[in-house]
Protein backbone atom coordinates (compact mmCIF):
# COMPACT_ATOMS: atom_id res chain seq x y z
CA UNK A 1 0.01 0.03 0.00
CA UNK A 2 2.83 2.43 0.85
CA UNK A 3 4.57 3.92 -2.20
CA UNK A 4 8.35 3.63 -2.23
CA UNK A 5 8.75 7.28 -3.25
CA UNK A 6 7.13 8.38 -0.01
CA UNK A 7 10.21 7.30 1.96
CA UNK A 8 12.23 10.28 0.97
CA UNK A 9 10.93 13.68 1.96
CA UNK A 10 10.46 16.22 -0.81
CA UNK A 11 12.14 19.63 -0.37
CA UNK A 12 10.99 23.05 -1.56
CA UNK A 13 11.84 26.71 -0.86
CA UNK A 14 9.88 29.92 -0.58
CA UNK A 15 12.23 32.79 -0.46
CA UNK A 16 14.44 32.25 2.65
CA UNK A 17 12.07 29.62 4.15
CA UNK A 18 12.74 25.94 3.72
CA UNK A 19 9.85 23.57 3.33
CA UNK A 20 9.61 19.77 3.07
CA UNK A 21 6.78 17.38 2.57
CA UNK A 22 7.01 14.19 4.75
CA UNK A 23 4.64 11.32 4.35
CA UNK A 24 2.95 9.55 7.23
CA UNK A 25 1.74 6.96 4.67
CA UNK A 26 -1.70 6.20 3.11
CA UNK A 27 -5.13 5.60 4.37
CA UNK A 28 -8.02 4.23 2.30
CA UNK A 29 -11.39 5.87 2.35
CA UNK A 30 -14.70 5.41 0.56
CA UNK A 31 -14.42 7.00 -2.87
CA UNK A 32 -18.03 7.90 -3.05
CA UNK A 33 -17.79 9.85 0.24
CA UNK A 34 -14.81 11.71 -1.06
CA UNK A 35 -16.58 12.68 -4.26
CA UNK A 36 -19.80 13.70 -2.45
CA UNK A 37 -22.80 14.30 -4.67
CA UNK A 38 -20.76 13.90 -7.95
CA UNK A 39 -22.08 10.68 -9.57
CA UNK A 40 -19.65 7.71 -9.91
CA UNK A 41 -20.24 7.66 -13.69
CA UNK A 42 -18.71 11.14 -13.63
CA UNK A 43 -15.82 10.80 -11.20
CA UNK A 44 -14.61 7.32 -11.99
CA UNK A 45 -13.21 8.22 -15.46
CA UNK A 46 -11.36 11.05 -13.74
CA UNK A 47 -9.88 9.57 -10.58
CA UNK A 48 -9.94 5.89 -11.54
CA UNK A 49 -11.67 2.81 -10.38
CA UNK A 50 -11.74 2.12 -6.59
CA UNK A 51 -11.16 -1.24 -4.93
CA UNK A 52 -13.94 -3.88 -4.73
CA UNK A 53 -14.85 -2.29 -1.42
CA UNK A 54 -15.19 1.17 -3.09
CA UNK A 55 -12.04 2.48 -1.37
CA UNK A 56 -9.42 4.78 -2.81
CA UNK A 57 -6.00 5.57 -1.59
CA UNK A 58 -5.61 8.93 0.32
CA UNK A 59 -2.03 10.09 0.88
CA UNK A 60 -1.07 11.72 4.17
CA UNK A 61 1.30 14.59 3.31
CA UNK A 62 2.69 16.54 6.23
CA UNK A 63 4.35 19.93 5.71
CA UNK A 64 7.52 20.92 7.60
CA UNK A 65 8.47 24.56 7.54
CA UNK A 66 11.81 25.96 8.75
CA UNK A 67 11.79 29.75 9.19
CA UNK A 68 14.23 31.93 11.18
CA UNK A 69 15.42 29.05 13.36
CA UNK A 70 11.94 27.75 14.11
CA UNK A 71 10.64 24.42 12.92
CA UNK A 72 6.83 24.20 12.28
CA UNK A 73 4.89 21.05 11.36
CA UNK A 74 1.54 21.40 9.62
CA UNK A 75 -0.86 18.46 10.21
CA UNK A 76 0.45 15.17 11.61
CA UNK A 77 -1.15 12.39 9.66
CA UNK A 78 -2.92 9.36 11.32
CA UNK A 79 -0.18 8.33 13.66
CA UNK A 80 0.25 4.99 15.45
CA UNK A 81 -2.28 4.81 18.17
CA UNK A 82 -5.17 3.12 16.46
CA UNK A 83 -6.01 -0.42 17.62
CA UNK A 84 -6.20 -3.45 15.30
CA UNK A 85 -9.93 -3.16 14.68
CA UNK A 86 -9.69 0.54 13.87
CA UNK A 87 -6.89 -0.11 11.40
CA UNK A 88 -8.50 -2.99 9.65
CA UNK A 89 -12.23 -2.14 9.73
CA UNK A 90 -12.64 1.69 9.88
CA UNK A 91 -9.27 3.16 8.72
CA UNK A 92 -7.44 0.63 6.60
CA UNK A 93 -4.04 1.69 5.24
CA UNK A 94 -0.32 1.79 5.84
CA UNK A 95 0.57 4.77 8.03
CA UNK A 96 2.38 5.77 11.14
CA UNK A 97 5.72 6.55 9.45
CA UNK A 98 6.05 10.24 10.18
CA UNK A 99 8.66 10.21 12.92
CA UNK A 100 10.94 7.86 11.09
CA UNK A 101 10.83 9.94 8.00
CA UNK A 102 11.24 13.28 9.85
CA UNK A 103 14.67 11.96 10.83
CA UNK A 104 15.61 11.95 7.15
CA UNK A 105 15.55 15.74 7.25
CA UNK A 106 17.27 15.87 10.65
CA UNK A 107 14.08 16.62 12.66
CA UNK A 108 13.65 14.97 16.06
CA UNK A 109 10.48 15.35 18.05
CA UNK A 110 12.19 17.69 20.50
CA UNK A 111 13.27 20.00 17.59
CA UNK A 112 9.77 21.03 16.73
CA UNK A 113 8.72 24.43 17.96
CA UNK A 114 5.12 24.53 16.68
CA UNK A 115 2.47 22.14 15.38
CA UNK A 116 -0.51 23.55 13.34
CA UNK A 117 -3.64 21.48 12.83
CA UNK A 118 -5.78 22.65 9.93
CA UNK A 119 -8.58 20.73 11.70
CA UNK A 120 -8.86 17.75 14.16
CA UNK A 121 -10.12 14.92 11.93
CA UNK A 122 -8.29 11.67 12.69
CA UNK A 123 -6.03 11.85 9.58
CA UNK A 124 -4.64 15.33 10.32
CA UNK A 125 -3.68 15.02 14.00
CA UNK A 126 -2.87 11.50 14.79
CA UNK A 127 0.85 12.15 15.60
CA UNK A 128 -0.06 15.11 17.90
CA UNK A 129 0.23 12.54 20.64
CA UNK A 130 1.95 9.17 21.10
CA UNK A 131 1.42 6.48 23.67
CA UNK A 132 4.26 6.66 26.25
CA UNK A 133 3.88 3.94 28.90
CA UNK A 134 0.27 3.40 27.80
CA UNK A 135 -0.74 7.17 28.10
CA UNK A 136 -1.18 9.49 25.16
CA UNK A 137 1.22 12.48 25.61
CA UNK A 138 2.39 15.24 23.24
CA UNK A 139 4.71 13.75 20.68
CA UNK A 140 6.58 16.92 20.21
CA UNK A 141 7.38 17.83 23.82
CA UNK A 142 8.66 21.39 23.25
CA UNK A 143 5.98 22.39 20.64
CA UNK A 144 3.10 24.70 20.98
CA UNK A 145 0.03 23.17 19.19
CA UNK A 146 -2.01 25.77 17.33
CA UNK A 147 -5.73 24.82 16.78
CA UNK A 148 -8.63 27.05 15.92
CA UNK A 149 -10.70 27.64 19.02
CA UNK A 150 -13.99 26.73 17.28
CA UNK A 151 -12.51 23.59 15.94
CA UNK A 152 -11.32 22.49 19.33
CA UNK A 153 -14.77 23.14 20.71
CA UNK A 154 -16.41 21.14 17.87
CA UNK A 155 -14.00 18.28 18.41
CA UNK A 156 -14.50 18.09 22.18
CA UNK A 157 -18.29 18.35 21.82
CA UNK A 158 -19.10 16.44 18.57
CA UNK A 159 -22.54 15.58 17.34
CA UNK A 160 -23.80 12.20 15.96
CA UNK A 161 -22.55 13.10 12.48
CA UNK A 162 -19.05 14.36 13.41
CA UNK A 163 -18.15 12.05 16.26
CA UNK A 164 -16.59 9.23 14.16
CA UNK A 165 -14.00 11.69 12.68
CA UNK A 166 -12.66 12.91 15.99
CA UNK A 167 -10.44 10.83 18.32
CA UNK A 168 -10.03 12.58 21.66
CA UNK A 169 -6.62 11.01 22.41
CA UNK A 170 -5.18 13.12 19.52
CA UNK A 171 -5.94 16.45 21.14
CA UNK A 172 -7.33 16.40 24.66
CA UNK A 173 -3.84 15.63 26.12
CA UNK A 174 -2.52 18.86 24.54
CA UNK A 175 -4.69 20.95 26.81
CA UNK A 176 -3.93 18.78 29.88
CA UNK A 177 -0.22 19.31 29.28
CA UNK A 178 -0.41 22.95 28.73
CA UNK A 179 0.85 22.71 25.10
CA UNK A 180 -2.33 23.94 23.45
CA UNK A 181 -2.84 27.45 21.89
CA UNK A 182 -6.25 28.22 20.65
CA UNK A 183 -6.38 30.52 17.54
CA UNK A 184 -9.01 32.95 16.60
CA UNK A 185 -8.83 34.34 13.06
CA UNK A 186 -5.39 34.91 11.54
CA UNK A 187 -2.25 34.44 13.52
CA UNK A 188 1.47 34.33 12.73
CA UNK A 189 3.08 31.16 13.97
CA UNK A 190 6.69 31.90 12.84
CA UNK A 191 8.21 34.66 10.67
CA UNK A 192 6.40 34.39 7.31
CA UNK A 193 4.08 31.58 8.52
CA UNK A 194 0.50 32.46 9.10
CA UNK A 195 -2.70 30.49 9.78
CA UNK A 196 -5.98 31.90 8.38
CA UNK A 197 -9.64 30.78 8.36
CA UNK A 198 -10.82 28.60 5.46
CA UNK A 199 -14.22 27.34 6.51
CA UNK A 200 -16.42 24.69 4.91
CA UNK A 201 -14.80 21.31 5.52
CA UNK A 202 -15.40 22.14 9.13
CA UNK A 203 -16.81 25.44 10.36
CA UNK A 204 -13.46 26.53 11.82
CA UNK A 205 -11.00 24.86 9.36
CA UNK A 206 -7.88 26.83 8.82
CA UNK A 207 -5.10 26.82 6.15
CA UNK A 208 -1.52 27.99 6.31
CA UNK A 209 0.30 30.67 4.06
CA UNK A 210 4.06 30.80 3.95
CA UNK A 211 5.49 34.08 2.54
CA UNK A 212 9.15 35.11 1.90
CA UNK A 213 11.01 37.03 -0.73
CA UNK A 214 7.98 37.95 -2.80
CA UNK A 215 6.83 34.30 -3.04
CA UNK A 216 4.24 32.37 -1.22
CA UNK A 217 2.99 28.89 -0.61
CA UNK A 218 -0.39 27.69 0.51
CA UNK A 219 -1.08 24.53 2.54
CA UNK A 220 -4.68 23.85 1.79
CA UNK A 221 -5.73 21.44 4.45
CA UNK A 222 -9.06 19.79 3.41
CA UNK A 223 -10.15 22.49 0.99
CA UNK A 224 -9.68 19.32 -1.21
CA UNK A 225 -9.61 15.76 -0.31
CA UNK A 226 -8.42 14.86 -3.87
CA UNK A 227 -6.36 16.73 -6.32
CA UNK A 228 -9.21 16.98 -8.72
CA UNK A 229 -11.13 18.99 -6.11
CA UNK A 230 -8.40 21.72 -6.46
CA UNK A 231 -9.43 22.01 -10.07
CA UNK A 232 -13.23 21.76 -9.82
CA UNK A 233 -14.92 23.98 -7.23
CA UNK A 234 -18.25 22.13 -7.14
CA UNK A 235 -16.58 18.68 -6.47
CA UNK A 236 -16.91 18.80 -2.70
CA UNK A 237 -16.60 15.78 -0.33
CA UNK A 238 -19.54 14.42 1.71
CA UNK A 239 -17.29 14.93 4.70
CA UNK A 240 -17.68 18.73 4.48
CA UNK A 241 -20.09 19.97 7.13
CA UNK A 242 -20.77 23.28 5.21
CA UNK A 243 -20.55 22.39 1.47
CA UNK A 244 -21.80 25.71 0.21
CA UNK A 245 -19.34 27.54 2.34
CA UNK A 246 -16.62 25.24 1.04
CA UNK A 247 -17.63 26.20 -2.47
CA UNK A 248 -17.12 29.90 -1.81
CA UNK A 249 -13.94 29.36 0.22
CA UNK A 250 -12.41 27.33 -2.67
CA UNK A 251 -13.36 29.99 -5.14
CA UNK A 252 -11.75 32.71 -3.02
CA UNK A 253 -8.59 30.91 -1.81
CA UNK A 254 -7.73 28.81 -4.87
CA UNK A 255 -8.60 31.60 -7.14
CA UNK A 256 -6.05 33.80 -5.38
CA UNK A 257 -3.49 30.99 -5.50
CA UNK A 258 -4.04 30.75 -9.22
CA UNK A 259 -3.74 34.53 -9.76
CA UNK A 260 -0.65 34.98 -7.60
CA UNK A 261 1.04 31.66 -8.63
CA UNK A 262 1.28 30.23 -5.05
CA UNK A 263 3.02 26.91 -4.67
CA UNK A 264 0.08 24.75 -3.38
CA UNK A 265 0.53 21.86 -0.92
CA UNK A 266 -2.39 19.45 -0.70
CA UNK A 267 -2.30 16.94 2.18
CA UNK A 268 -4.24 14.29 0.10
CA UNK A 269 -2.85 14.71 -3.44
CA UNK A 270 -0.46 12.10 -4.71
CA UNK A 271 2.82 12.50 -2.81
CA UNK A 272 4.34 15.04 -2.46
CA UNK A 273 1.19 16.88 -3.23
CA UNK A 274 2.93 20.01 -4.31
CA UNK A 275 2.05 22.00 -7.52
CA UNK A 276 0.78 25.15 -9.16
CA UNK A 277 -2.63 25.96 -10.28
CA UNK A 278 -2.81 26.92 -13.93
CA UNK A 279 -5.56 27.71 -16.43
CA UNK A 280 -6.36 25.04 -19.03
CA UNK A 281 -8.94 26.70 -21.16
CA UNK A 282 -11.53 27.92 -18.58
CA UNK A 283 -10.71 25.38 -15.93
CA UNK A 284 -8.02 25.30 -13.34
CA UNK A 285 -5.42 22.56 -13.60
CA UNK A 286 -3.15 21.30 -10.75
CA UNK A 287 0.37 20.87 -12.15
CA UNK A 288 2.76 19.03 -9.93
CA UNK A 289 5.96 20.85 -8.95
CA UNK A 290 9.07 18.76 -8.74
CA UNK A 291 11.09 19.04 -5.53
CA UNK A 292 14.53 20.42 -5.18
CA UNK A 293 17.42 18.04 -5.69
CA UNK A 294 18.83 16.81 -2.35
CA UNK A 295 22.33 18.13 -2.13
CA UNK A 296 23.23 16.17 0.90
């Protein structure tokens, strides 16, 4: 299930800021749920045929940002705390590789200064914590974890529809350990690294902008759960709690990324999930951006 090319992190640069995409692996999710109300006869020729159980591979791309001596991680994949039934029945896949692969770019857990979660669904915050002596504790012991206040409220008080997507062990220990910082609106996390609201997938979903030297990059979070959703505004996953808000957010944010030629990082596009939005006739097209060659 795990692609060999995911082993080596992919490096990029925005001005003076270093970026790397590190893979936690792959999870399999229902293809119809990812494509929402789009009929299978329409999406299957575009994204391919799912497995016999109607599952499709969903990459888990984590962004690492190094700016002015600070190391920031954006989203943390699924992690390694799920039990056997969760891994086989509810969340099949090959994941939990983030820490090992961070070492390939010289990052140890204690080196991380900040962690940003775009939202708290299980596949974006799993490595927030790790089981130490049977107790979930912050994986990155020196880091401050930045989560939107409304998102934390929604995750700790879920309703019947949202409850399966939130796993309290991924985020409750952060507050208990004093590592949690709740964000309201826009906030700078490190020089040139800013979170900002992008509602729709969840009401308080946030994305990350990285700016330096007249360039910028966008980490979308779940503005899209498949690369084709970066290209087609109306293709919105069934997981989005506010689909019409998602539609407008995608138009605004991805439209700006297109106009200003932002380097776009998508957590669920084929690894490394980095590329530029370009016009192909009247439609946006996501064009993969090759990583920098590793000089070391």
